[in-house]
């Protein structure tokens, strides 16, 4: 399976998810979970207190649909940081010992062995969870208003 995605778009999304991933002796805890679907893939990162997921659209997609694996977060982030902005081709191959991922760029390539997704930490299911989407500008405006209100209250004490 081959996926083509912008390096800038991929790295921006990975950095967002990577804020919750902490370095760990356990590779599963310091990893990104990749869930590949048609024309996009979901990247998830978690720690003991929470989980962040984001959807990344692909510029091009060919091959079988689906696939789940986890990749070492620091290795992937550090490797991508060094590349100039360009389209990346992510080649995913199923092998005897699991998935092998090769990322091709203009001057070369690098490979990462993917882990078994069963080992990736799962967040406990809450009884009634709800999903909501909020525009980042609205959230920022609300946070700034709350901070201003808090400073006003503290200034009166």
Protein backbone atom coordinates (compact mmCIF):
# COMPACT_ATOMS: atom_id res chain seq x y z
CA UNK A 1 0.00 0.00 0.00
CA UNK A 2 1.33 3.44 -0.89
CA UNK A 3 0.27 6.78 0.53
CA UNK A 4 1.48 10.19 -0.64
CA UNK A 5 1.24 13.02 1.89
CA UNK A 6 2.84 16.44 2.32
CA UNK A 7 5.74 16.39 4.80
CA UNK A 8 4.60 19.70 6.30
CA UNK A 9 1.00 18.53 6.75
CA UNK A 10 2.10 15.19 8.25
CA UNK A 11 4.66 16.74 10.62
CA UNK A 12 2.23 19.43 11.81
CA UNK A 13 -0.39 16.82 12.71
CA UNK A 14 2.18 14.50 14.33
CA UNK A 15 3.54 17.33 16.48
CA UNK A 16 0.02 18.06 17.72
CA UNK A 17 -0.58 14.45 18.68
CA UNK A 18 2.99 14.15 19.96
CA UNK A 19 2.36 16.70 22.71
CA UNK A 20 0.67 14.00 24.78
CA UNK A 21 3.21 11.25 24.01
CA UNK A 22 5.95 11.07 26.63
CA UNK A 23 9.27 9.29 26.17
CA UNK A 24 9.05 5.90 27.81
CA UNK A 25 11.10 2.76 28.28
CA UNK A 26 8.07 0.96 26.90
CA UNK A 27 7.98 1.60 23.15
CA UNK A 28 4.19 1.20 23.12
CA UNK A 29 3.73 4.17 25.45
CA UNK A 30 5.98 6.44 23.38
CA UNK A 31 4.35 5.68 20.06
CA UNK A 32 1.80 6.81 17.52
CA UNK A 33 -0.99 4.46 16.49
CA UNK A 34 -1.69 4.65 12.74
CA UNK A 35 -5.09 3.49 11.48
CA UNK A 36 -5.21 3.61 7.70
CA UNK A 37 -8.51 3.93 5.86
CA UNK A 38 -9.53 4.98 2.38
CA UNK A 39 -7.83 8.27 1.42
CA UNK A 40 -6.84 9.20 4.99
CA UNK A 41 -5.34 7.87 8.16
CA UNK A 42 -5.89 8.52 11.85
CA UNK A 43 -2.94 9.05 14.16
CA UNK A 44 -3.43 8.57 17.91
CA UNK A 45 -1.13 9.32 20.81
CA UNK A 46 -1.83 8.77 24.48
CA UNK A 47 -0.46 8.77 27.99
CA UNK A 48 -1.96 7.61 31.27
CA UNK A 49 -4.22 10.68 31.50
CA UNK A 50 -5.60 11.12 27.99
CA UNK A 51 -5.59 10.49 24.29
CA UNK A 52 -5.37 12.72 21.19
CA UNK A 53 -6.28 11.65 17.65
CA UNK A 54 -6.16 13.48 14.35
CA UNK A 55 -7.13 12.66 10.80
CA UNK A 56 -4.61 13.18 8.00
CA UNK A 57 -5.78 13.39 4.38
CA UNK A 58 -3.62 11.75 1.72
CA UNK A 59 -2.74 13.38 -1.59
CA UNK A 60 -2.74 9.94 -3.19
CA UNK A 61 -3.59 6.43 -2.06
CA UNK A 62 -3.14 3.09 -3.79
CA UNK A 63 -3.32 -0.49 -2.68
CA UNK A 64 -5.33 -2.35 -0.09
CA UNK A 65 -7.58 -0.42 2.24
CA UNK A 66 -6.96 -0.65 5.93
CA UNK A 67 -4.16 -1.40 8.28
CA UNK A 68 -3.25 -0.60 11.84
CA UNK A 69 0.20 -0.33 13.41
CA UNK A 70 2.17 1.76 15.84
CA UNK A 71 5.43 3.62 15.23
CA UNK A 72 7.99 4.99 17.66
CA UNK A 73 7.06 8.68 18.04
CA UNK A 74 10.51 10.23 18.73
CA UNK A 75 12.13 8.32 15.85
CA UNK A 76 9.45 9.36 13.37
CA UNK A 77 9.32 13.01 14.51
CA UNK A 78 13.11 13.42 14.52
CA UNK A 79 13.42 11.84 11.08
CA UNK A 80 10.72 14.02 9.52
CA UNK A 81 12.08 17.24 11.10
CA UNK A 82 15.30 16.87 9.11
CA UNK A 83 13.60 16.70 5.72
CA UNK A 84 12.74 19.74 3.59
CA UNK A 85 9.07 20.31 2.75
CA UNK A 86 8.15 17.91 -0.04
CA UNK A 87 5.68 15.14 -0.83
CA UNK A 88 6.47 11.90 1.00
CA UNK A 89 5.56 8.45 -0.22
CA UNK A 90 4.79 6.08 2.63
CA UNK A 91 5.11 2.47 1.50
CA UNK A 92 3.54 -0.09 3.85
CA UNK A 93 4.34 -3.77 3.38
CA UNK A 94 3.09 -6.76 5.33
CA UNK A 95 5.93 -9.11 6.20
CA UNK A 96 6.22 -12.27 8.29
CA UNK A 97 7.20 -10.35 11.41
CA UNK A 98 4.63 -7.55 10.98
CA UNK A 99 4.40 -4.35 9.00
CA UNK A 100 7.43 -2.56 7.61
CA UNK A 101 7.06 1.10 6.69
CA UNK A 102 9.41 2.88 4.29
CA UNK A 103 9.17 6.63 3.83
CA UNK A 104 10.53 7.80 0.48
CA UNK A 105 11.60 11.40 -0.04
CA UNK A 106 13.39 13.28 -2.82
CA UNK A 107 16.97 12.22 -1.98
CA UNK A 108 16.41 8.89 -0.28
CA UNK A 109 14.35 6.84 2.11
CA UNK A 110 14.22 5.53 5.65
CA UNK A 111 12.46 2.57 7.16
CA UNK A 112 10.63 1.98 10.41
CA UNK A 113 9.45 -1.32 11.80
CA UNK A 114 5.85 -1.06 12.90
CA UNK A 115 4.64 -2.61 16.13
CA UNK A 116 1.67 -4.85 16.77
CA UNK A 117 -1.35 -2.57 17.40
CA UNK A 118 -2.65 -4.95 20.07
CA UNK A 119 0.18 -3.71 22.33
CA UNK A 120 -0.78 -0.03 22.00
CA UNK A 121 -2.31 1.27 25.27
CA UNK A 122 -6.10 1.50 25.16
CA UNK A 123 -8.01 4.21 26.97
CA UNK A 124 -10.68 2.87 29.30
CA UNK A 125 -14.16 3.23 27.88
CA UNK A 126 -16.34 5.70 29.72
CA UNK A 127 -20.04 5.01 30.02
CA UNK A 128 -21.37 7.85 27.94
CA UNK A 129 -18.80 9.63 25.84
CA UNK A 130 -19.67 12.45 23.52
CA UNK A 131 -17.69 13.89 20.65
CA UNK A 132 -17.68 17.56 19.80
CA UNK A 133 -15.84 19.68 17.28
CA UNK A 134 -14.85 23.26 18.00
CA UNK A 135 -13.12 25.77 15.78
CA UNK A 136 -9.65 26.64 17.11
CA UNK A 137 -10.34 30.39 16.86
CA UNK A 138 -13.47 30.05 18.98
CA UNK A 139 -11.59 27.98 21.57
CA UNK A 140 -8.74 30.50 21.67
CA UNK A 141 -11.15 33.40 22.10
CA UNK A 142 -12.91 31.56 24.95
CA UNK A 143 -9.61 30.80 26.70
CA UNK A 144 -8.45 34.40 26.38
CA UNK A 145 -11.78 35.65 27.78
CA UNK A 146 -11.55 33.21 30.70
CA UNK A 147 -7.98 34.32 31.47
CA UNK A 148 -8.97 37.99 31.35
CA UNK A 149 -11.91 37.31 33.67
CA UNK A 150 -9.63 35.41 36.07
CA UNK A 151 -7.08 38.24 36.09
CA UNK A 152 -9.86 40.73 36.82
CA UNK A 153 -11.06 38.63 39.78
CA UNK A 154 -7.54 38.17 41.13
CA UNK A 155 -6.86 41.88 40.79
CA UNK A 156 -9.85 42.65 42.99
CA UNK A 157 -8.67 40.39 45.86
